C-alpha cells in the first residue's frame, strides 16, 4: 500500500514537472562583515541557477459598489521543486517564453509532496 502511494506521488510530481517551461535563478542579498575593516555590506549571492519552474498568472477584478471601473490586480505564482528552499525576500529571476523578469517572493511557500507554490511580486529593490 505504501509503495503504491509513493509511486502515485512520484507520477504526480513527474506530471507537474513536465509542465515546467521556465527556469529560475535564486539570489539572496546577504550581509557580509569585512573582518579587517569591520565594515558590514550586502552582497548578492546566487543560491541556485537554471532550476526548472513555471509561472502562473491570475488576473482578479475587484469592484466596490458605486465605482465606475473595477481595479484589476494580478497574482503571480511560481511552481517549483519542493526540494529547494527559497527564503522570503529572495530575488527570483525567471525566464519563461523568452521573457526574463525579476521577482521577489512575498511570503512563505506552500510546500506539497509534488511541488511548492510561491506568490511573487515584481522586484523593485532589496528590502
N, C-alpha and C. Protein backbone atom coordinates (compact mmCIF):
# COMPACT_ATOMS: atom_id res chain seq x y z
N UNK A 1 0.82 -1.20 0.00
CA UNK A 1 0.00 0.00 0.00
C UNK A 1 0.87 1.26 0.00
N UNK A 2 1.89 1.28 0.88
CA UNK A 2 2.79 2.43 0.95
C UNK A 2 3.52 2.61 -0.38
N UNK A 3 3.93 1.51 -0.99
CA UNK A 3 4.62 1.58 -2.27
C UNK A 3 3.73 2.18 -3.35
N UNK A 4 2.46 1.85 -3.32
CA UNK A 4 1.51 2.39 -4.30
C UNK A 4 1.35 3.89 -4.12
N UNK A 5 1.29 4.33 -2.86
CA UNK A 5 1.17 5.77 -2.59
C UNK A 5 2.41 6.50 -3.07
N UNK A 6 3.59 5.95 -2.78
CA UNK A 6 4.84 6.56 -3.21
C UNK A 6 4.93 6.62 -4.74
N UNK A 7 4.51 5.56 -5.39
CA UNK A 7 4.52 5.53 -6.86
C UNK A 7 3.55 6.57 -7.43
N UNK A 8 2.41 6.73 -6.80
CA UNK A 8 1.42 7.72 -7.26
C UNK A 8 1.96 9.13 -7.08
N UNK A 9 2.60 9.39 -5.95
CA UNK A 9 3.19 10.72 -5.71
C UNK A 9 4.30 11.01 -6.71
N UNK A 10 5.11 10.01 -6.99
CA UNK A 10 6.20 10.19 -7.95
C UNK A 10 5.64 10.49 -9.34
N UNK A 11 4.59 9.78 -9.73
CA UNK A 11 3.96 10.01 -11.03
C UNK A 11 3.33 11.40 -11.08
N UNK A 12 2.70 11.81 -9.98
CA UNK A 12 2.08 13.14 -9.92
C UNK A 12 3.14 14.23 -10.03
N UNK A 13 4.24 14.03 -9.35
CA UNK A 13 5.33 15.02 -9.41
C UNK A 13 5.90 15.12 -10.82
N UNK A 14 6.11 13.97 -11.47
CA UNK A 14 6.62 13.97 -12.84
C UNK A 14 5.64 14.67 -13.78
N UNK A 15 4.35 14.47 -13.56
CA UNK A 15 3.34 15.13 -14.41
C UNK A 15 3.39 16.64 -14.24
N UNK A 16 3.50 17.10 -13.00
CA UNK A 16 3.57 18.54 -12.75
C UNK A 16 4.86 19.12 -13.34
N UNK A 17 5.98 18.45 -13.08
CA UNK A 17 7.26 18.96 -13.57
C UNK A 17 7.35 18.94 -15.10
N UNK A 18 6.56 18.10 -15.75
CA UNK A 18 6.57 18.08 -17.22
C UNK A 18 5.95 19.36 -17.80
N UNK A 19 5.22 20.12 -16.98
CA UNK A 19 4.63 21.38 -17.44
C UNK A 19 5.56 22.56 -17.25
N UNK A 20 6.68 22.37 -16.56
CA UNK A 20 7.62 23.47 -16.31
C UNK A 20 8.25 23.90 -17.64
N UNK A 21 8.05 25.15 -17.99
CA UNK A 21 8.60 25.66 -19.24
C UNK A 21 9.48 26.89 -19.02
N UNK A 22 9.91 27.08 -17.78
CA UNK A 22 10.79 28.19 -17.45
C UNK A 22 11.95 27.72 -16.61
N UNK A 23 12.89 28.63 -16.36
CA UNK A 23 14.00 28.35 -15.46
C UNK A 23 14.15 29.54 -14.52
N UNK A 24 14.58 29.23 -13.29
CA UNK A 24 14.72 30.26 -12.27
C UNK A 24 16.14 30.31 -11.74
N UNK A 25 16.55 31.52 -11.40
CA UNK A 25 17.79 31.75 -10.66
C UNK A 25 17.39 32.39 -9.34
N UNK A 26 17.88 31.84 -8.24
CA UNK A 26 17.54 32.32 -6.91
C UNK A 26 18.75 33.08 -6.36
N UNK A 27 18.51 34.32 -5.92
CA UNK A 27 19.58 35.17 -5.38
C UNK A 27 19.17 35.67 -4.01
N UNK A 28 20.10 35.60 -3.07
CA UNK A 28 19.87 36.14 -1.73
C UNK A 28 20.80 37.32 -1.50
N UNK A 29 20.28 38.35 -0.87
CA UNK A 29 21.01 39.57 -0.52
C UNK A 29 21.53 39.36 0.89
N UNK A 30 22.81 38.99 1.02
CA UNK A 30 23.35 38.57 2.31
C UNK A 30 24.29 39.60 2.91
N UNK A 31 24.21 39.71 4.23
CA UNK A 31 25.07 40.64 4.97
C UNK A 31 26.46 40.02 5.13
N UNK A 32 27.48 40.80 4.77
CA UNK A 32 28.87 40.34 4.85
C UNK A 32 29.63 41.33 5.74
N UNK A 33 30.42 40.79 6.67
CA UNK A 33 31.24 41.66 7.52
C UNK A 33 32.70 41.46 7.14
N UNK A 34 33.36 42.56 6.78
CA UNK A 34 34.78 42.54 6.47
C UNK A 34 35.54 42.54 7.80
N UNK A 35 36.26 41.47 8.07
CA UNK A 35 36.95 41.32 9.35
C UNK A 35 38.09 42.32 9.52
N UNK A 36 38.70 42.74 8.42
CA UNK A 36 39.81 43.70 8.53
C UNK A 36 39.31 45.11 8.81
N UNK A 37 38.34 45.56 8.02
CA UNK A 37 37.85 46.93 8.18
C UNK A 37 36.71 47.05 9.17
N UNK A 38 36.12 45.91 9.54
CA UNK A 38 34.96 45.85 10.45
C UNK A 38 33.71 46.49 9.84
N UNK A 39 33.73 46.74 8.54
CA UNK A 39 32.57 47.29 7.86
C UNK A 39 31.64 46.16 7.43
N UNK A 40 30.36 46.45 7.46
CA UNK A 40 29.36 45.48 7.01
C UNK A 40 28.74 45.99 5.72
N UNK A 41 28.59 45.10 4.78
CA UNK A 41 27.97 45.45 3.49
C UNK A 41 27.12 44.27 3.03
N UNK A 42 26.35 44.50 1.99
CA UNK A 42 25.50 43.45 1.45
C UNK A 42 26.04 42.99 0.10
N UNK A 43 25.88 41.72 -0.14
CA UNK A 43 26.36 41.13 -1.39
C UNK A 43 25.28 40.19 -1.92
N UNK A 44 25.08 40.21 -3.23
CA UNK A 44 24.13 39.30 -3.86
C UNK A 44 24.82 37.97 -4.12
N UNK A 45 24.25 36.88 -3.61
CA UNK A 45 24.81 35.55 -3.81
C UNK A 45 23.81 34.67 -4.53
N UNK A 46 24.25 34.08 -5.63
CA UNK A 46 23.41 33.16 -6.38
C UNK A 46 23.35 31.84 -5.61
N UNK A 47 22.15 31.46 -5.22
CA UNK A 47 21.93 30.24 -4.46
C UNK A 47 21.70 29.05 -5.39
N UNK A 48 21.01 29.30 -6.50
CA UNK A 48 20.64 28.24 -7.43
C UNK A 48 20.42 28.84 -8.81
N UNK A 49 20.86 28.14 -9.86
CA UNK A 49 20.68 28.62 -11.23
C UNK A 49 20.00 27.56 -12.08
N UNK A 50 19.26 28.03 -13.08
CA UNK A 50 18.64 27.16 -14.08
C UNK A 50 17.75 26.08 -13.48
N UNK A 51 17.00 26.43 -12.45
CA UNK A 51 16.07 25.49 -11.81
C UNK A 51 14.76 25.49 -12.60
N UNK A 52 14.33 24.35 -13.13
CA UNK A 52 13.07 24.31 -13.87
C UNK A 52 11.91 24.80 -13.00
N UNK A 53 11.00 25.53 -13.64
CA UNK A 53 9.86 26.10 -12.91
C UNK A 53 8.76 26.48 -13.90
N UNK A 54 7.68 27.01 -13.35
CA UNK A 54 6.58 27.51 -14.18
C UNK A 54 5.93 28.68 -13.47
N UNK A 55 5.65 29.74 -14.23
CA UNK A 55 4.90 30.87 -13.70
C UNK A 55 3.44 30.73 -14.08
N UNK A 56 2.58 31.14 -13.17
CA UNK A 56 1.15 31.17 -13.44
C UNK A 56 0.65 32.57 -13.08
N UNK A 57 -0.19 33.13 -13.94
CA UNK A 57 -0.71 34.48 -13.73
C UNK A 57 -2.22 34.42 -13.59
N UNK A 58 -2.72 35.11 -12.58
CA UNK A 58 -4.17 35.21 -12.38
C UNK A 58 -4.53 36.68 -12.29
N UNK A 59 -5.48 37.10 -13.09
CA UNK A 59 -5.97 38.46 -13.01
C UNK A 59 -7.27 38.46 -12.23
N UNK A 60 -7.34 39.32 -11.24
CA UNK A 60 -8.52 39.41 -10.40
C UNK A 60 -9.13 40.79 -10.53
N UNK A 61 -10.41 40.84 -10.78
CA UNK A 61 -11.11 42.13 -10.82
C UNK A 61 -11.85 42.32 -9.52
N UNK A 62 -11.70 43.48 -8.95
CA UNK A 62 -12.44 43.81 -7.75
C UNK A 62 -13.15 45.13 -7.98
N UNK A 63 -14.41 45.16 -7.68
CA UNK A 63 -15.19 46.39 -7.84
C UNK A 63 -15.97 46.65 -6.58
N UNK A 64 -15.92 47.88 -6.13
CA UNK A 64 -16.70 48.28 -4.97
C UNK A 64 -17.97 48.96 -5.48
N UNK A 65 -19.02 48.82 -4.71
CA UNK A 65 -20.30 49.39 -5.11
C UNK A 65 -20.15 50.90 -5.29
N UNK A 66 -20.63 51.39 -6.42
CA UNK A 66 -20.58 52.81 -6.70
C UNK A 66 -19.38 53.24 -7.52
N UNK A 67 -18.42 52.38 -7.69
CA UNK A 67 -17.26 52.72 -8.52
C UNK A 67 -17.60 52.45 -9.98
N UNK A 68 -17.04 53.27 -10.85
CA UNK A 68 -17.34 53.10 -12.27
C UNK A 68 -16.43 52.08 -12.93
N UNK A 69 -15.24 51.87 -12.41
CA UNK A 69 -14.31 50.92 -13.03
C UNK A 69 -13.76 49.98 -11.97
N UNK A 70 -13.57 48.76 -12.36
CA UNK A 70 -13.04 47.76 -11.43
C UNK A 70 -11.51 47.85 -11.41
N UNK A 71 -10.95 47.69 -10.25
CA UNK A 71 -9.49 47.61 -10.13
C UNK A 71 -9.08 46.18 -10.47
N UNK A 72 -8.01 46.07 -11.24
CA UNK A 72 -7.53 44.75 -11.63
C UNK A 72 -6.18 44.53 -10.98
N UNK A 73 -6.07 43.42 -10.28
CA UNK A 73 -4.79 43.05 -9.68
C UNK A 73 -4.35 41.73 -10.29
N UNK A 74 -3.06 41.53 -10.29
CA UNK A 74 -2.52 40.30 -10.86
C UNK A 74 -1.78 39.53 -9.77
N UNK A 75 -2.07 38.25 -9.69
CA UNK A 75 -1.35 37.37 -8.79
C UNK A 75 -0.38 36.55 -9.63
N UNK A 76 0.88 36.56 -9.22
CA UNK A 76 1.92 35.81 -9.93
C UNK A 76 2.35 34.68 -9.00
N UNK A 77 2.27 33.46 -9.52
CA UNK A 77 2.57 32.30 -8.70
C UNK A 77 3.66 31.46 -9.37
N UNK A 78 4.64 31.05 -8.58
CA UNK A 78 5.73 30.23 -9.09
C UNK A 78 5.54 28.80 -8.63
N UNK A 79 5.62 27.87 -9.56
CA UNK A 79 5.60 26.43 -9.27
C UNK A 79 7.02 25.93 -9.46
N UNK A 80 7.56 25.26 -8.44
CA UNK A 80 8.95 24.84 -8.47
C UNK A 80 9.12 23.62 -7.58
N UNK A 81 10.24 22.94 -7.69
CA UNK A 81 10.52 21.73 -6.92
C UNK A 81 10.36 21.94 -5.42
N UNK A 82 9.79 20.95 -4.73
CA UNK A 82 9.67 21.06 -3.27
C UNK A 82 10.99 20.79 -2.55
N UNK A 83 12.00 20.38 -3.29
CA UNK A 83 13.28 20.00 -2.69
C UNK A 83 14.20 21.18 -2.39
N UNK A 84 13.86 22.36 -2.90
CA UNK A 84 14.74 23.51 -2.68
C UNK A 84 14.12 24.46 -1.67
N UNK A 85 14.96 25.24 -1.03
CA UNK A 85 14.50 26.21 -0.04
C UNK A 85 14.69 27.59 -0.63
N UNK A 86 13.59 28.35 -0.68
CA UNK A 86 13.64 29.73 -1.13
C UNK A 86 13.19 30.59 0.04
N UNK A 87 14.12 31.36 0.56
CA UNK A 87 13.82 32.20 1.71
C UNK A 87 13.00 33.42 1.32
N UNK A 88 12.13 33.91 2.22
CA UNK A 88 11.41 35.15 1.94
C UNK A 88 12.40 36.27 1.61
N UNK A 89 11.98 37.15 0.72
CA UNK A 89 12.77 38.28 0.23
C UNK A 89 13.89 37.89 -0.72
N UNK A 90 13.96 36.63 -1.14
CA UNK A 90 14.93 36.25 -2.16
C UNK A 90 14.53 36.88 -3.48
N UNK A 91 15.50 37.15 -4.31
CA UNK A 91 15.24 37.63 -5.67
C UNK A 91 15.18 36.40 -6.55
N UNK A 92 14.15 36.31 -7.37
CA UNK A 92 13.96 35.16 -8.24
C UNK A 92 13.86 35.68 -9.67
N UNK A 93 14.83 35.31 -10.48
CA UNK A 93 14.83 35.73 -11.89
C UNK A 93 14.32 34.55 -12.70
N UNK A 94 13.19 34.77 -13.39
CA UNK A 94 12.56 33.69 -14.14
C UNK A 94 12.59 34.03 -15.63
N UNK A 95 13.01 33.05 -16.42
CA UNK A 95 12.92 33.16 -17.87
C UNK A 95 11.91 32.12 -18.33
N UNK A 96 10.84 32.61 -18.96
CA UNK A 96 9.77 31.75 -19.46
C UNK A 96 9.24 32.37 -20.74
N UNK A 97 9.03 31.57 -21.75
CA UNK A 97 8.53 32.03 -23.05
C UNK A 97 9.42 33.14 -23.63
N UNK A 98 10.73 33.04 -23.38
CA UNK A 98 11.67 34.00 -23.93
C UNK A 98 11.71 35.33 -23.21
N UNK A 99 11.00 35.47 -22.11
CA UNK A 99 10.95 36.72 -21.35
C UNK A 99 11.59 36.49 -19.99
N UNK A 100 12.52 37.37 -19.60
CA UNK A 100 13.18 37.29 -18.31
C UNK A 100 12.68 38.42 -17.43
N UNK A 101 12.21 38.08 -16.23
CA UNK A 101 11.68 39.06 -15.29
C UNK A 101 12.19 38.75 -13.90
N UNK A 102 12.45 39.80 -13.12
CA UNK A 102 12.90 39.64 -11.74
C UNK A 102 11.73 39.80 -10.79
N UNK A 103 11.65 38.89 -9.84
CA UNK A 103 10.59 38.89 -8.84
C UNK A 103 11.20 38.75 -7.46
N UNK A 104 10.37 38.96 -6.46
CA UNK A 104 10.75 38.64 -5.09
C UNK A 104 9.62 37.81 -4.50
N UNK A 105 9.99 36.87 -3.63
CA UNK A 105 8.94 36.06 -3.01
C UNK A 105 8.37 36.86 -1.85
N UNK A 106 7.07 36.89 -1.79
CA UNK A 106 6.40 37.76 -0.83
C UNK A 106 6.02 37.05 0.46
N UNK A 107 6.34 35.79 0.56
CA UNK A 107 5.97 35.10 1.78
C UNK A 107 6.50 33.69 1.83
N UNK A 108 5.93 32.93 2.70
CA UNK A 108 6.34 31.55 2.91
C UNK A 108 5.69 30.66 1.84
N UNK A 109 6.46 29.78 1.22
CA UNK A 109 5.90 28.92 0.17
C UNK A 109 4.91 27.90 0.74
N UNK A 110 3.97 27.49 -0.09
CA UNK A 110 3.10 26.36 0.21
C UNK A 110 3.80 25.15 -0.38
N UNK A 111 4.28 24.24 0.47
CA UNK A 111 5.08 23.10 0.02
C UNK A 111 4.23 21.83 0.07
N UNK A 112 4.21 21.13 -1.06
CA UNK A 112 3.48 19.87 -1.20
C UNK A 112 4.47 18.77 -1.56
N UNK A 113 4.03 17.53 -1.59
CA UNK A 113 4.90 16.42 -1.98
C UNK A 113 5.39 16.56 -3.42
N UNK A 114 4.58 17.16 -4.27
CA UNK A 114 4.86 17.21 -5.69
C UNK A 114 5.49 18.51 -6.18
N UNK A 115 5.31 19.59 -5.42
CA UNK A 115 5.80 20.90 -5.85
C UNK A 115 5.65 21.89 -4.69
N UNK A 116 6.13 23.09 -4.92
CA UNK A 116 5.82 24.18 -4.00
C UNK A 116 5.32 25.37 -4.81
N UNK A 117 4.47 26.15 -4.19
CA UNK A 117 3.89 27.32 -4.83
C UNK A 117 4.29 28.54 -4.00
N UNK A 118 4.78 29.57 -4.72
CA UNK A 118 5.24 30.79 -4.07
C UNK A 118 4.59 31.97 -4.76
N UNK A 119 3.95 32.83 -3.98
CA UNK A 119 3.38 34.06 -4.53
C UNK A 119 4.52 35.05 -4.72
N UNK A 120 4.60 35.63 -5.91
CA UNK A 120 5.68 36.55 -6.26
C UNK A 120 5.16 37.96 -6.46
N UNK A 121 6.06 38.90 -6.31
CA UNK A 121 5.81 40.30 -6.66
C UNK A 121 6.96 40.73 -7.56
N UNK A 122 6.73 41.74 -8.39
CA UNK A 122 7.81 42.25 -9.21
C UNK A 122 8.90 42.81 -8.31
N UNK A 123 10.15 42.53 -8.66
CA UNK A 123 11.27 43.01 -7.87
C UNK A 123 11.52 44.47 -8.20
N UNK A 124 11.62 45.31 -7.16
CA UNK A 124 11.95 46.71 -7.38
C UNK A 124 13.30 47.05 -6.75
N UNK A 125 13.48 46.61 -5.51
CA UNK A 125 14.75 46.81 -4.82
C UNK A 125 14.81 45.90 -3.61
N UNK A 126 15.99 45.73 -3.06
CA UNK A 126 16.14 44.91 -1.87
C UNK A 126 15.50 45.61 -0.69
N UNK A 127 14.82 44.82 0.14
CA UNK A 127 14.17 45.40 1.32
C UNK A 127 15.18 45.70 2.39
